[in-house]
Amino acid sequence: MTAASLEVRCEVEQAGEYQKYEYFVYDIYGIGVIGYGVVYQKGNSVEIKVINVDRLHRGEGIGSSLLQRIISDHSERTIYVRTFESLIPWYEKFGFKLYSEPLLLVRPSSVV
């Protein structure tokens, strides 16, 4: 499976005052989840709560596909993520900037 062939599916639900977006990447059989992401949107901002890839499938571009889909779906909003120090360079490749401690990264909306 290549990153170009990955399909990222999204489900949206209302969670109180937030919209919850869940992103899924399934295995080649369409049965097992091998990549997962969750974001919460409130107003003009979105917070990435989790992006996780099955250990056996890391390094295949699945996390990048999830993040690209999240960015695409929310390009008009400011996106926040709290993450581990080791993941800062990965997020920076997608336009995030270190905003503050503890390890909050922000990707401003693309709306000028």
PDB file of N, CA and C in Angstrom:
ATOM      1  N   MET A   1       0.846  -1.174   0.000  1.00  0.00           N
ATOM      2  CA  MET A   1       0.000   0.000   0.000  1.00  0.00           C
ATOM      3  C   MET A   1       0.887   1.231   0.000  1.00  0.00           C
ATOM      4  N   THR A   2       0.622   2.134  -0.912  1.00  0.00           N
ATOM      5  CA  THR A   2       1.406   3.366  -0.962  1.00  0.00           C
ATOM      6  C   THR A   2       0.576   4.521  -0.422  1.00  0.00           C
ATOM      7  N   ALA A   3       1.260   5.586  -0.017  1.00  0.00           N
ATOM      8  CA  ALA A   3       0.571   6.757   0.516  1.00  0.00           C
ATOM      9  C   ALA A   3      -0.421   7.310  -0.507  1.00  0.00           C
ATOM     10  N   ALA A   4      -0.071   7.233  -1.784  1.00  0.00           N
ATOM     11  CA  ALA A   4      -0.947   7.753  -2.828  1.00  0.00           C
ATOM     12  C   ALA A   4      -2.239   6.945  -2.928  1.00  0.00           C
ATOM     13  N   SER A   5      -2.217   5.672  -2.548  1.00  0.00           N
ATOM     14  CA  SER A   5      -3.403   4.826  -2.670  1.00  0.00           C
ATOM     15  C   SER A   5      -4.249   4.801  -1.401  1.00  0.00           C
ATOM     16  N   LEU A   6      -3.838   5.541  -0.385  1.00  0.00           N
ATOM     17  CA  LEU A   6      -4.566   5.525   0.879  1.00  0.00           C
ATOM     18  C   LEU A   6      -5.864   6.311   0.787  1.00  0.00           C
ATOM     19  N   GLU A   7      -6.906   5.727   1.315  1.00  0.00           N
ATOM     20  CA  GLU A   7      -8.176   6.437   1.419  1.00  0.00           C
ATOM     21  C   GLU A   7      -8.384   6.784   2.885  1.00  0.00           C
ATOM     22  N   VAL A   8      -8.598   8.051   3.151  1.00  0.00           N
ATOM     23  CA  VAL A   8      -8.874   8.501   4.508  1.00  0.00           C
ATOM     24  C   VAL A   8     -10.364   8.790   4.581  1.00  0.00           C
ATOM     25  N   ARG A   9     -11.048   8.072   5.454  1.00  0.00           N
ATOM     26  CA  ARG A   9     -12.488   8.272   5.639  1.00  0.00           C
ATOM     27  C   ARG A   9     -12.717   9.161   6.855  1.00  0.00           C
ATOM     28  N   CYS A  10     -13.781   9.926   6.805  1.00  0.00           N
ATOM     29  CA  CYS A  10     -14.076  10.849   7.898  1.00  0.00           C
ATOM     30  C   CYS A  10     -15.528  10.700   8.329  1.00  0.00           C
ATOM     31  N   GLU A  11     -15.732  10.706   9.639  1.00  0.00           N
ATOM     32  CA  GLU A  11     -17.072  10.718  10.227  1.00  0.00           C
ATOM     33  C   GLU A  11     -17.156  11.931  11.142  1.00  0.00           C
ATOM     34  N   VAL A  12     -18.286  12.628  11.100  1.00  0.00           N
ATOM     35  CA  VAL A  12     -18.468  13.848  11.884  1.00  0.00           C
ATOM     36  C   VAL A  12     -19.683  13.673  12.781  1.00  0.00           C
ATOM     37  N   GLU A  13     -19.539  14.125  14.021  1.00  0.00           N
ATOM     38  CA  GLU A  13     -20.680  14.105  14.937  1.00  0.00           C
ATOM     39  C   GLU A  13     -20.611  15.315  15.860  1.00  0.00           C
ATOM     40  N   GLN A  14     -21.748  15.696  16.365  1.00  0.00           N
ATOM     41  CA  GLN A  14     -21.807  16.781  17.329  1.00  0.00           C
ATOM     42  C   GLN A  14     -21.458  16.211  18.694  1.00  0.00           C
ATOM     43  N   ALA A  15     -20.540  16.867  19.393  1.00  0.00           N
ATOM     44  CA  ALA A  15     -20.122  16.439  20.737  1.00  0.00           C
ATOM     45  C   ALA A  15     -20.241  17.649  21.658  1.00  0.00           C
ATOM     46  N   GLY A  16     -21.443  17.896  22.150  1.00  0.00           N
ATOM     47  CA  GLY A  16     -21.663  19.089  22.962  1.00  0.00           C
ATOM     48  C   GLY A  16     -21.533  20.328  22.108  1.00  0.00           C
ATOM     49  N   GLU A  17     -20.679  21.250  22.528  1.00  0.00           N
ATOM     50  CA  GLU A  17     -20.488  22.484  21.764  1.00  0.00           C
ATOM     51  C   GLU A  17     -19.453  22.337  20.657  1.00  0.00           C
ATOM     52  N   TYR A  18     -18.887  21.154  20.508  1.00  0.00           N
ATOM     53  CA  TYR A  18     -17.858  20.885  19.507  1.00  0.00           C
ATOM     54  C   TYR A  18     -18.392  19.988  18.412  1.00  0.00           C
ATOM     55  N   GLN A  19     -17.737  20.066  17.246  1.00  0.00           N
ATOM     56  CA  GLN A  19     -17.919  19.071  16.198  1.00  0.00           C
ATOM     57  C   GLN A  19     -16.724  18.129  16.307  1.00  0.00           C
ATOM     58  N   LYS A  20     -16.986  16.857  16.362  1.00  0.00           N
ATOM     59  CA  LYS A  20     -15.925  15.853  16.455  1.00  0.00           C
ATOM     60  C   LYS A  20     -15.756  15.206  15.091  1.00  0.00           C
ATOM     61  N   TYR A  21     -14.520  15.242  14.587  1.00  0.00           N
ATOM     62  CA  TYR A  21     -14.172  14.611  13.315  1.00  0.00           C
ATOM     63  C   TYR A  21     -13.281  13.418  13.618  1.00  0.00           C
ATOM     64  N   GLU A  22     -13.681  12.248  13.160  1.00  0.00           N
ATOM     65  CA  GLU A  22     -12.849  11.051  13.298  1.00  0.00           C
ATOM     66  C   GLU A  22     -12.398  10.624  11.906  1.00  0.00           C
ATOM     67  N   TYR A  23     -11.105  10.392  11.780  1.00  0.00           N
ATOM     68  CA  TYR A  23     -10.500  10.006  10.501  1.00  0.00           C
ATOM     69  C   TYR A  23      -9.973   8.585  10.611  1.00  0.00           C
ATOM     70  N   PHE A  24     -10.226   7.785   9.578  1.00  0.00           N
ATOM     71  CA  PHE A  24      -9.835   6.377   9.580  1.00  0.00           C
ATOM     72  C   PHE A  24      -9.100   6.017   8.294  1.00  0.00           C
ATOM     73  N   VAL A  25      -8.067   5.208   8.426  1.00  0.00           N
ATOM     74  CA  VAL A  25      -7.426   4.542   7.287  1.00  0.00           C
ATOM     75  C   VAL A  25      -7.504   3.050   7.598  1.00  0.00           C
ATOM     76  N   TYR A  26      -8.043   2.301   6.635  1.00  0.00           N
ATOM     77  CA  TYR A  26      -8.222   0.861   6.826  1.00  0.00           C
ATOM     78  C   TYR A  26      -7.148   0.075   6.091  1.00  0.00           C
ATOM     79  N   ASP A  27      -6.964  -1.164   6.500  1.00  0.00           N
ATOM     80  CA  ASP A  27      -6.011  -2.053   5.829  1.00  0.00           C
ATOM     81  C   ASP A  27      -6.501  -2.359   4.412  1.00  0.00           C
ATOM     82  N   ILE A  28      -5.703  -3.094   3.663  1.00  0.00           N
ATOM     83  CA  ILE A  28      -6.033  -3.350   2.255  1.00  0.00           C
ATOM     84  C   ILE A  28      -7.335  -4.143   2.093  1.00  0.00           C
ATOM     85  N   TYR A  29      -7.804  -4.787   3.155  1.00  0.00           N
ATOM     86  CA  TYR A  29      -9.045  -5.553   3.104  1.00  0.00           C
ATOM     87  C   TYR A  29     -10.254  -4.699   3.494  1.00  0.00           C
ATOM     88  N   GLY A  30      -9.992  -3.487   3.984  1.00  0.00           N
ATOM     89  CA  GLY A  30     -11.076  -2.617   4.404  1.00  0.00           C
ATOM     90  C   GLY A  30     -11.710  -3.026   5.712  1.00  0.00           C
ATOM     91  N   ILE A  31     -10.982  -3.797   6.510  1.00  0.00           N
ATOM     92  CA  ILE A  31     -11.540  -4.326   7.756  1.00  0.00           C
ATOM     93  C   ILE A  31     -10.897  -3.693   8.984  1.00  0.00           C
ATOM     94  N   GLY A  32      -9.577  -3.767   9.055  1.00  0.00           N
ATOM     95  CA  GLY A  32      -8.861  -3.293  10.235  1.00  0.00           C
ATOM     96  C   GLY A  32      -8.416  -1.846  10.099  1.00  0.00           C
ATOM     97  N   VAL A  33      -8.561  -1.080  11.158  1.00  0.00           N
ATOM     98  CA  VAL A  33      -8.102   0.307  11.172  1.00  0.00           C
ATOM     99  C   VAL A  33      -6.594   0.310  11.409  1.00  0.00           C
ATOM    100  N   ILE A  34      -5.847   0.936  10.483  1.00  0.00           N
ATOM    101  CA  ILE A  34      -4.395   1.016  10.638  1.00  0.00           C
ATOM    102  C   ILE A  34      -3.922   2.448  10.879  1.00  0.00           C
ATOM    103  N   GLY A  35      -4.849   3.398  10.749  1.00  0.00           N
ATOM    104  CA  GLY A  35      -4.553   4.790  11.043  1.00  0.00           C
ATOM    105  C   GLY A  35      -5.800   5.475  11.559  1.00  0.00           C
ATOM    106  N   TYR A  36      -5.617   6.371  12.540  1.00  0.00           N
ATOM    107  CA  TYR A  36      -6.767   6.982  13.190  1.00  0.00           C
ATOM    108  C   TYR A  36      -6.416   8.399  13.617  1.00  0.00           C
ATOM    109  N   GLY A  37      -7.350   9.303  13.457  1.00  0.00           N
ATOM    110  CA  GLY A  37      -7.164  10.672  13.918  1.00  0.00           C
ATOM    111  C   GLY A  37      -8.464  11.234  14.453  1.00  0.00           C
ATOM    112  N   VAL A  38      -8.356  12.132  15.430  1.00  0.00           N
ATOM    113  CA  VAL A  38      -9.527  12.802  15.996  1.00  0.00           C
ATOM    114  C   VAL A  38      -9.222  14.280  16.124  1.00  0.00           C
ATOM    115  N   VAL A  39     -10.148  15.107  15.670  1.00  0.00           N
ATOM    116  CA  VAL A  39     -10.040  16.546  15.880  1.00  0.00           C
ATOM    117  C   VAL A  39     -11.375  17.060  16.382  1.00  0.00           C
ATOM    118  N   TYR A  40     -11.298  18.125  17.176  1.00  0.00           N
ATOM    119  CA  TYR A  40     -12.488  18.815  17.660  1.00  0.00           C
ATOM    120  C   TYR A  40     -12.481  20.221  17.109  1.00  0.00           C
ATOM    121  N   GLN A  41     -13.615  20.626  16.544  1.00  0.00           N
ATOM    122  CA  GLN A  41     -13.752  21.970  16.001  1.00  0.00           C
ATOM    123  C   GLN A  41     -14.758  22.743  16.835  1.00  0.00           C
ATOM    124  N   LYS A  42     -14.366  23.955  17.194  1.00  0.00           N
ATOM    125  CA  LYS A  42     -15.287  24.885  17.854  1.00  0.00           C
ATOM    126  C   LYS A  42     -15.012  26.249  17.250  1.00  0.00           C
ATOM    127  N   GLY A  43     -16.028  26.806  16.615  1.00  0.00           N
ATOM    128  CA  GLY A  43     -15.843  28.112  15.978  1.00  0.00           C
ATOM    129  C   GLY A  43     -14.810  28.041  14.874  1.00  0.00           C
ATOM    130  N   ASN A  44     -13.828  28.938  14.938  1.00  0.00           N
ATOM    131  CA  ASN A  44     -12.819  29.021  13.891  1.00  0.00           C
ATOM    132  C   ASN A  44     -11.521  28.317  14.256  1.00  0.00           C
ATOM    133  N   SER A  45     -11.573  27.423  15.228  1.00  0.00           N
ATOM    134  CA  SER A  45     -10.345  26.696  15.566  1.00  0.00           C
ATOM    135  C   SER A  45     -10.621  25.203  15.705  1.00  0.00           C
ATOM    136  N   VAL A  46      -9.564  24.468  15.460  1.00  0.00           N
ATOM    137  CA  VAL A  46      -9.611  23.011  15.479  1.00  0.00           C
ATOM    138  C   VAL A  46      -8.432  22.528  16.310  1.00  0.00           C
ATOM    139  N   GLU A  47      -8.681  21.545  17.156  1.00  0.00           N
ATOM    140  CA  GLU A  47      -7.576  20.941  17.905  1.00  0.00           C
ATOM    141  C   GLU A  47      -7.457  19.477  17.531  1.00  0.00           C
ATOM    142  N   ILE A  48      -6.249  19.096  17.120  1.00  0.00           N
ATOM    143  CA  ILE A  48      -5.969  17.685  16.852  1.00  0.00           C
ATOM    144  C   ILE A  48      -5.760  17.020  18.199  1.00  0.00           C
ATOM    145  N   LYS A  49      -6.595  16.041  18.493  1.00  0.00           N
ATOM    146  CA  LYS A  49      -6.482  15.321  19.764  1.00  0.00           C
ATOM    147  C   LYS A  49      -5.549  14.115  19.634  1.00  0.00           C
ATOM    148  N   VAL A  50      -5.609  13.455  18.479  1.00  0.00           N
ATOM    149  CA  VAL A  50      -4.763  12.272  18.288  1.00  0.00           C
ATOM    150  C   VAL A  50      -4.603  11.980  16.800  1.00  0.00           C
ATOM    151  N   ILE A  51      -3.407  11.548  16.463  1.00  0.00           N
ATOM    152  CA  ILE A  51      -3.135  10.887  15.187  1.00  0.00           C
ATOM    153  C   ILE A  51      -2.290   9.678  15.565  1.00  0.00           C
ATOM    154  N   ASN A  52      -2.775   8.505  15.214  1.00  0.00           N
ATOM    155  CA  ASN A  52      -2.056   7.289  15.589  1.00  0.00           C
ATOM    156  C   ASN A  52      -2.065   6.311  14.420  1.00  0.00           C
ATOM    157  N   VAL A  53      -0.942   5.647  14.241  1.00  0.00           N
ATOM    158  CA  VAL A  53      -0.791   4.655  13.179  1.00  0.00           C
ATOM    159  C   VAL A  53      -0.341   3.346  13.820  1.00  0.00           C
ATOM    160  N   ASP A  54      -0.942   2.259  13.381  1.00  0.00           N
ATOM    161  CA  ASP A  54      -0.560   0.932  13.855  1.00  0.00           C
ATOM    162  C   ASP A  54       0.950   0.740  13.704  1.00  0.00           C
ATOM    163  N   ARG A  55       1.567   0.196  14.715  1.00  0.00           N
ATOM    164  CA  ARG A  55       3.032   0.032  14.720  1.00  0.00           C
ATOM    165  C   ARG A  55       3.560  -0.705  13.490  1.00  0.00           C
ATOM    166  N   LEU A  56       2.815  -1.658  12.995  1.00  0.00           N
ATOM    167  CA  LEU A  56       3.278  -2.438  11.840  1.00  0.00           C
ATOM    168  C   LEU A  56       3.204  -1.652  10.532  1.00  0.00           C
ATOM    169  N   HIS A  57       2.546  -0.488  10.559  1.00  0.00           N
ATOM    170  CA  HIS A  57       2.365   0.288   9.334  1.00  0.00           C
ATOM    171  C   HIS A  57       2.997   1.670   9.403  1.00  0.00           C
ATOM    172  N   ARG A  58       3.793   1.916  10.409  1.00  0.00           N
ATOM    173  CA  ARG A  58       4.459   3.216  10.509  1.00  0.00           C
ATOM    174  C   ARG A  58       5.515   3.332   9.418  1.00  0.00           C
ATOM    175  N   GLY A  59       5.716   4.544   8.942  1.00  0.00           N
ATOM    176  CA  GLY A  59       6.695   4.786   7.884  1.00  0.00           C
ATOM    177  C   GLY A  59       6.130   4.589   6.486  1.00  0.00           C
ATOM    178  N   GLU A  60       4.819   4.327   6.377  1.00  0.00           N
ATOM    179  CA  GLU A  60       4.183   4.112   5.070  1.00  0.00           C
ATOM    180  C   GLU A  60       3.424   5.342   4.574  1.00  0.00           C
ATOM    181  N   GLY A  61       3.495   6.448   5.300  1.00  0.00           N
ATOM    182  CA  GLY A  61       2.801   7.659   4.890  1.00  0.00           C
ATOM    183  C   GLY A  61       1.376   7.776   5.385  1.00  0.00           C
ATOM    184  N   ILE A  62       0.963   6.876   6.250  1.00  0.00           N
ATOM    185  CA  ILE A  62      -0.421   6.874   6.744  1.00  0.00           C
ATOM    186  C   ILE A  62      -0.680   8.096   7.623  1.00  0.00           C
ATOM    187  N   GLY A  63       0.219   8.377   8.559  1.00  0.00           N
ATOM    188  CA  GLY A  63       0.062   9.552   9.419  1.00  0.00           C
ATOM    189  C   GLY A  63       0.060  10.830   8.601  1.00  0.00           C
ATOM    190  N   SER A  64       0.925  10.902   7.611  1.00  0.00           N
ATOM    191  CA  SER A  64       0.978  12.080   6.741  1.00  0.00           C
ATOM    192  C   SER A  64      -0.321  12.236   5.955  1.00  0.00           C
ATOM    193  N   SER A  65      -0.880  11.134   5.483  1.00  0.00           N
ATOM    194  CA  SER A  65      -2.160  11.198   4.765  1.00  0.00           C
ATOM    195  C   SER A  65      -3.276  11.681   5.683  1.00  0.00           C
ATOM    196  N   LEU A  66      -3.282  11.199   6.916  1.00  0.00           N
ATOM    197  CA  LEU A  66      -4.280  11.658   7.883  1.00  0.00           C
ATOM    198  C   LEU A  66      -4.138  13.165   8.124  1.00  0.00           C
ATOM    199  N   LEU A  67      -2.904  13.610   8.368  1.00  0.00           N
ATOM    200  CA  LEU A  67      -2.684  15.016   8.656  1.00  0.00           C
ATOM    201  C   LEU A  67      -3.020  15.893   7.451  1.00  0.00           C
ATOM    202  N   GLN A  68      -2.671  15.455   6.256  1.00  0.00           N
ATOM    203  CA  GLN A  68      -3.004  16.220   5.053  1.00  0.00           C
ATOM    204  C   GLN A  68      -4.515  16.346   4.883  1.00  0.00           C
ATOM    205  N   ARG A  69      -5.238  15.289   5.171  1.00  0.00           N
ATOM    206  CA  ARG A  69      -6.712  15.334   5.075  1.00  0.00           C
ATOM    207  C   ARG A  69      -7.280  16.301   6.119  1.00  0.00           C
ATOM    208  N   ILE A  70      -6.755  16.243   7.341  1.00  0.00           N
ATOM    209  CA  ILE A  70      -7.206  17.154   8.396  1.00  0.00           C
ATOM    210  C   ILE A  70      -6.964  18.597   7.975  1.00  0.00           C
ATOM    211  N   ILE A  71      -5.774  18.880   7.479  1.00  0.00           N
ATOM    212  CA  ILE A  71      -5.438  20.236   7.026  1.00  0.00           C
ATOM    213  C   ILE A  71      -6.364  20.663   5.882  1.00  0.00           C
ATOM    214  N   SER A  72      -6.606  19.780   4.953  1.00  0.00           N
ATOM    215  CA  SER A  72      -7.480  20.079   3.822  1.00  0.00           C
ATOM    216  C   SER A  72      -8.908  20.380   4.294  1.00  0.00           C
ATOM    217  N   ASP A  73      -9.414  19.560   5.193  1.00  0.00           N
ATOM    218  CA  ASP A  73     -10.785  19.736   5.685  1.00  0.00           C
ATOM    219  C   ASP A  73     -10.956  21.005   6.512  1.00  0.00           C
ATOM    220  N   HIS A  74      -9.877  21.481   7.110  1.00  0.00           N
ATOM    221  CA  HIS A  74      -9.969  22.603   8.040  1.00  0.00           C
ATOM    222  C   HIS A  74      -9.040  23.759   7.653  1.00  0.00           C
ATOM    223  N   SER A  75      -8.769  23.917   6.371  1.00  0.00           N
ATOM    224  CA  SER A  75      -7.805  24.925   5.920  1.00  0.00           C
ATOM    225  C   SER A  75      -8.238  26.351   6.248  1.00  0.00           C
ATOM    226  N   GLU A  76      -9.518  26.569   6.461  1.00  0.00           N
ATOM    227  CA  GLU A  76     -10.009  27.908   6.765  1.00  0.00           C
ATOM    228  C   GLU A  76      -9.995  28.192   8.271  1.00  0.00           C
ATOM    229  N   ARG A  77      -9.493  27.251   9.048  1.00  0.00           N
ATOM    230  CA  ARG A  77      -9.469  27.406  10.498  1.00  0.00           C
ATOM    231  C   ARG A  77      -8.038  27.309  11.009  1.00  0.00           C
ATOM    232  N   THR A  78      -7.822  27.828  12.200  1.00  0.00           N
ATOM    233  CA  THR A  78      -6.533  27.658  12.864  1.00  0.00           C
ATOM    234  C   THR A  78      -6.524  26.281  13.508  1.00  0.00           C
ATOM    235  N   ILE A  79      -5.444  25.533  13.279  1.00  0.00           N
ATOM    236  CA  ILE A  79      -5.330  24.162  13.791  1.00  0.00           C
ATOM    237  C   ILE A  79      -4.272  24.128  14.883  1.00  0.00           C
ATOM    238  N   TYR A  80      -4.645  23.569  16.025  1.00  0.00           N
ATOM    239  CA  TYR A  80      -3.738  23.437  17.165  1.00  0.00           C
ATOM    240  C   TYR A  80      -3.447  21.967  17.412  1.00  0.00           C
ATOM    241  N   VAL A  81      -2.261  21.692  17.929  1.00  0.00           N
ATOM    242  CA  VAL A  81      -1.934  20.328  18.357  1.00  0.00           C
ATOM    243  C   VAL A  81      -0.919  20.396  19.494  1.00  0.00           C
ATOM    244  N   ARG A  82      -1.141  19.607  20.505  1.00  0.00           N
ATOM    245  CA  ARG A  82      -0.160  19.422  21.576  1.00  0.00           C
ATOM    246  C   ARG A  82       0.485  18.069  21.301  1.00  0.00           C
ATOM    247  N   THR A  83       1.811  18.041  21.314  1.00  0.00           N
ATOM    248  CA  THR A  83       2.467  16.822  20.876  1.00  0.00           C
ATOM    249  C   THR A  83       3.762  16.588  21.628  1.00  0.00           C
ATOM    250  N   PHE A  84       4.379  15.485  21.315  1.00  0.00           N
ATOM    251  CA  PHE A  84       5.683  15.145  21.886  1.00  0.00           C
ATOM    252  C   PHE A  84       6.774  15.926  21.167  1.00  0.00           C
ATOM    253  N   GLU A  85       7.830  16.203  21.869  1.00  0.00           N
ATOM    254  CA  GLU A  85       8.942  16.960  21.284  1.00  0.00           C
ATOM    255  C   GLU A  85       9.477  16.281  20.028  1.00  0.00           C
ATOM    256  N   SER A  86       9.507  14.971  20.028  1.00  0.00           N
ATOM    257  CA  SER A  86      10.053  14.231  18.883  1.00  0.00           C
ATOM    258  C   SER A  86       9.220  14.401  17.614  1.00  0.00           C
ATOM    259  N   LEU A  87       7.950  14.815  17.738  1.00  0.00           N
ATOM    260  CA  LEU A  87       7.085  14.965  16.571  1.00  0.00           C
ATOM    261  C   LEU A  87       7.032  16.388  16.023  1.00  0.00           C
ATOM    262  N   ILE A  88       7.675  17.328  16.706  1.00  0.00           N
ATOM    263  CA  ILE A  88       7.649  18.719  16.252  1.00  0.00           C
ATOM    264  C   ILE A  88       8.156  18.859  14.814  1.00  0.00           C
ATOM    265  N   PRO A  89       9.294  18.272  14.440  1.00  0.00           N
ATOM    266  CA  PRO A  89       9.761  18.420  13.050  1.00  0.00           C
ATOM    267  C   PRO A  89       8.762  17.883  12.022  1.00  0.00           C
ATOM    268  N   TRP A  90       8.064  16.808  12.367  1.00  0.00           N
ATOM    269  CA  TRP A  90       7.072  16.234  11.452  1.00  0.00           C
ATOM    270  C   TRP A  90       5.937  17.227  11.228  1.00  0.00           C
ATOM    271  N   TYR A  91       5.396  17.794  12.283  1.00  0.00           N
ATOM    272  CA  TYR A  91       4.325  18.781  12.145  1.00  0.00           C
ATOM    273  C   TYR A  91       4.814  20.034  11.413  1.00  0.00           C
ATOM    274  N   GLU A  92       6.038  20.439  11.669  1.00  0.00           N
ATOM    275  CA  GLU A  92       6.577  21.629  11.001  1.00  0.00           C
ATOM    276  C   GLU A  92       6.629  21.448   9.488  1.00  0.00           C
ATOM    277  N   LYS A  93       6.824  20.220   9.012  1.00  0.00           N
ATOM    278  CA  LYS A  93       6.818  19.951   7.568  1.00  0.00           C
ATOM    279  C   LYS A  93       5.471  20.284   6.929  1.00  0.00           C
ATOM    280  N   PHE A  94       4.430  20.339   7.758  1.00  0.00           N
ATOM    281  CA  PHE A  94       3.083  20.618   7.266  1.00  0.00           C
ATOM    282  C   PHE A  94       2.633  22.045   7.582  1.00  0.00           C
ATOM    283  N   GLY A  95       3.578  22.901   7.956  1.00  0.00           N
ATOM    284  CA  GLY A  95       3.271  24.307   8.158  1.00  0.00           C
ATOM    285  C   GLY A  95       2.961  24.717   9.585  1.00  0.00           C
ATOM    286  N   PHE A  96       3.085  23.804  10.530  1.00  0.00           N
ATOM    287  CA  PHE A  96       2.861  24.149  11.930  1.00  0.00           C
ATOM    288  C   PHE A  96       4.089  24.859  12.486  1.00  0.00           C
ATOM    289  N   LYS A  97       3.847  25.758  13.423  1.00  0.00           N
ATOM    290  CA  LYS A  97       4.927  26.489  14.099  1.00  0.00           C
ATOM    291  C   LYS A  97       4.784  26.288  15.599  1.00  0.00           C
ATOM    292  N   LEU A  98       5.925  26.151  16.282  1.00  0.00           N
ATOM    293  CA  LEU A  98       5.903  26.032  17.731  1.00  0.00           C
ATOM    294  C   LEU A  98       5.398  27.338  18.306  1.00  0.00           C
ATOM    295  N   TYR A  99       4.347  27.262  19.092  1.00  0.00           N
ATOM    296  CA  TYR A  99       3.668  28.442  19.594  1.00  0.00           C
ATOM    297  C   TYR A  99       4.049  28.752  21.034  1.00  0.00           C
ATOM    298  N   SER A 100       4.065  27.734  21.864  1.00  0.00           N
ATOM    299  CA  SER A 100       4.369  27.933  23.279  1.00  0.00           C
ATOM    300  C   SER A 100       4.712  26.602  23.916  1.00  0.00           C
ATOM    301  N   GLU A 101       5.104  26.681  25.121  1.00  0.00           N
ATOM    302  CA  GLU A 101       5.298  25.469  25.904  1.00  0.00           C
ATOM    303  C   GLU A 101       4.003  25.208  26.641  1.00  0.00           C
ATOM    304  N   PRO A 102       3.631  24.006  26.939  1.00  0.00           N
ATOM    305  CA  PRO A 102       4.353  22.796  26.590  1.00  0.00           C
ATOM    306  C   PRO A 102       3.970  22.260  25.217  1.00  0.00           C
ATOM    307  N   LEU A 103       4.818  22.476  24.277  1.00  0.00           N
ATOM    308  CA  LEU A 103       4.766  21.877  22.944  1.00  0.00           C
ATOM    309  C   LEU A 103       3.425  22.037  22.218  1.00  0.00           C
ATOM    310  N   LEU A 104       2.945  23.243  22.163  1.00  0.00           N
ATOM    311  CA  LEU A 104       1.747  23.564  21.402  1.00  0.00           C
ATOM    312  C   LEU A 104       2.189  24.081  20.046  1.00  0.00           C
ATOM    313  N   LEU A 105       1.709  23.438  18.987  1.00  0.00           N
ATOM    314  CA  LEU A 105       1.998  23.884  17.637  1.00  0.00           C
ATOM    315  C   LEU A 105       0.723  24.415  17.022  1.00  0.00           C
ATOM    316  N   VAL A 106       0.856  25.387  16.147  1.00  0.00           N
ATOM    317  CA  VAL A 106      -0.296  26.031  15.531  1.00  0.00           C
ATOM    318  C   VAL A 106      -0.072  26.111  14.035  1.00  0.00           C
ATOM    319  N   ARG A 107      -1.121  25.858  13.267  1.00  0.00           N
ATOM    320  CA  ARG A 107      -1.106  26.070  11.828  1.00  0.00           C
ATOM    321  C   ARG A 107      -2.211  27.067  11.543  1.00  0.00           C
ATOM    322  N   PRO A 108      -1.863  28.332  11.273  1.00  0.00           N
ATOM    323  CA  PRO A 108      -2.898  29.348  11.022  1.00  0.00           C
ATOM    324  C   PRO A 108      -3.730  28.983   9.813  1.00  0.00           C
ATOM    325  N   SER A 109      -4.949  29.498   9.785  1.00  0.00           N
ATOM    326  CA  SER A 109      -5.815  29.238   8.640  1.00  0.00           C
ATOM    327  C   SER A 109      -5.178  29.805   7.388  1.00  0.00           C
ATOM    328  N   SER A 110      -5.602  29.272   6.258  1.00  0.00           N
ATOM    329  CA  SER A 110      -5.051  29.762   4.985  1.00  0.00           C
ATOM    330  C   SER A 110      -5.832  30.965   4.482  1.00  0.00           C
ATOM    331  N   VAL A 111      -6.865  31.352   5.211  1.00  0.00           N
ATOM    332  CA  VAL A 111      -7.649  32.519   4.824  1.00  0.00           C
ATOM    333  C   VAL A 111      -6.881  33.773   5.193  1.00  0.00           C
ATOM    334  N   VAL A 112      -6.717  34.664   4.245  1.00  0.00           N
ATOM    335  CA  VAL A 112      -5.972  35.894   4.490  1.00  0.00           C
ATOM    336  C   VAL A 112      -6.899  36.993   4.953  1.00  0.00           C
TER     337      VAL A 112
END
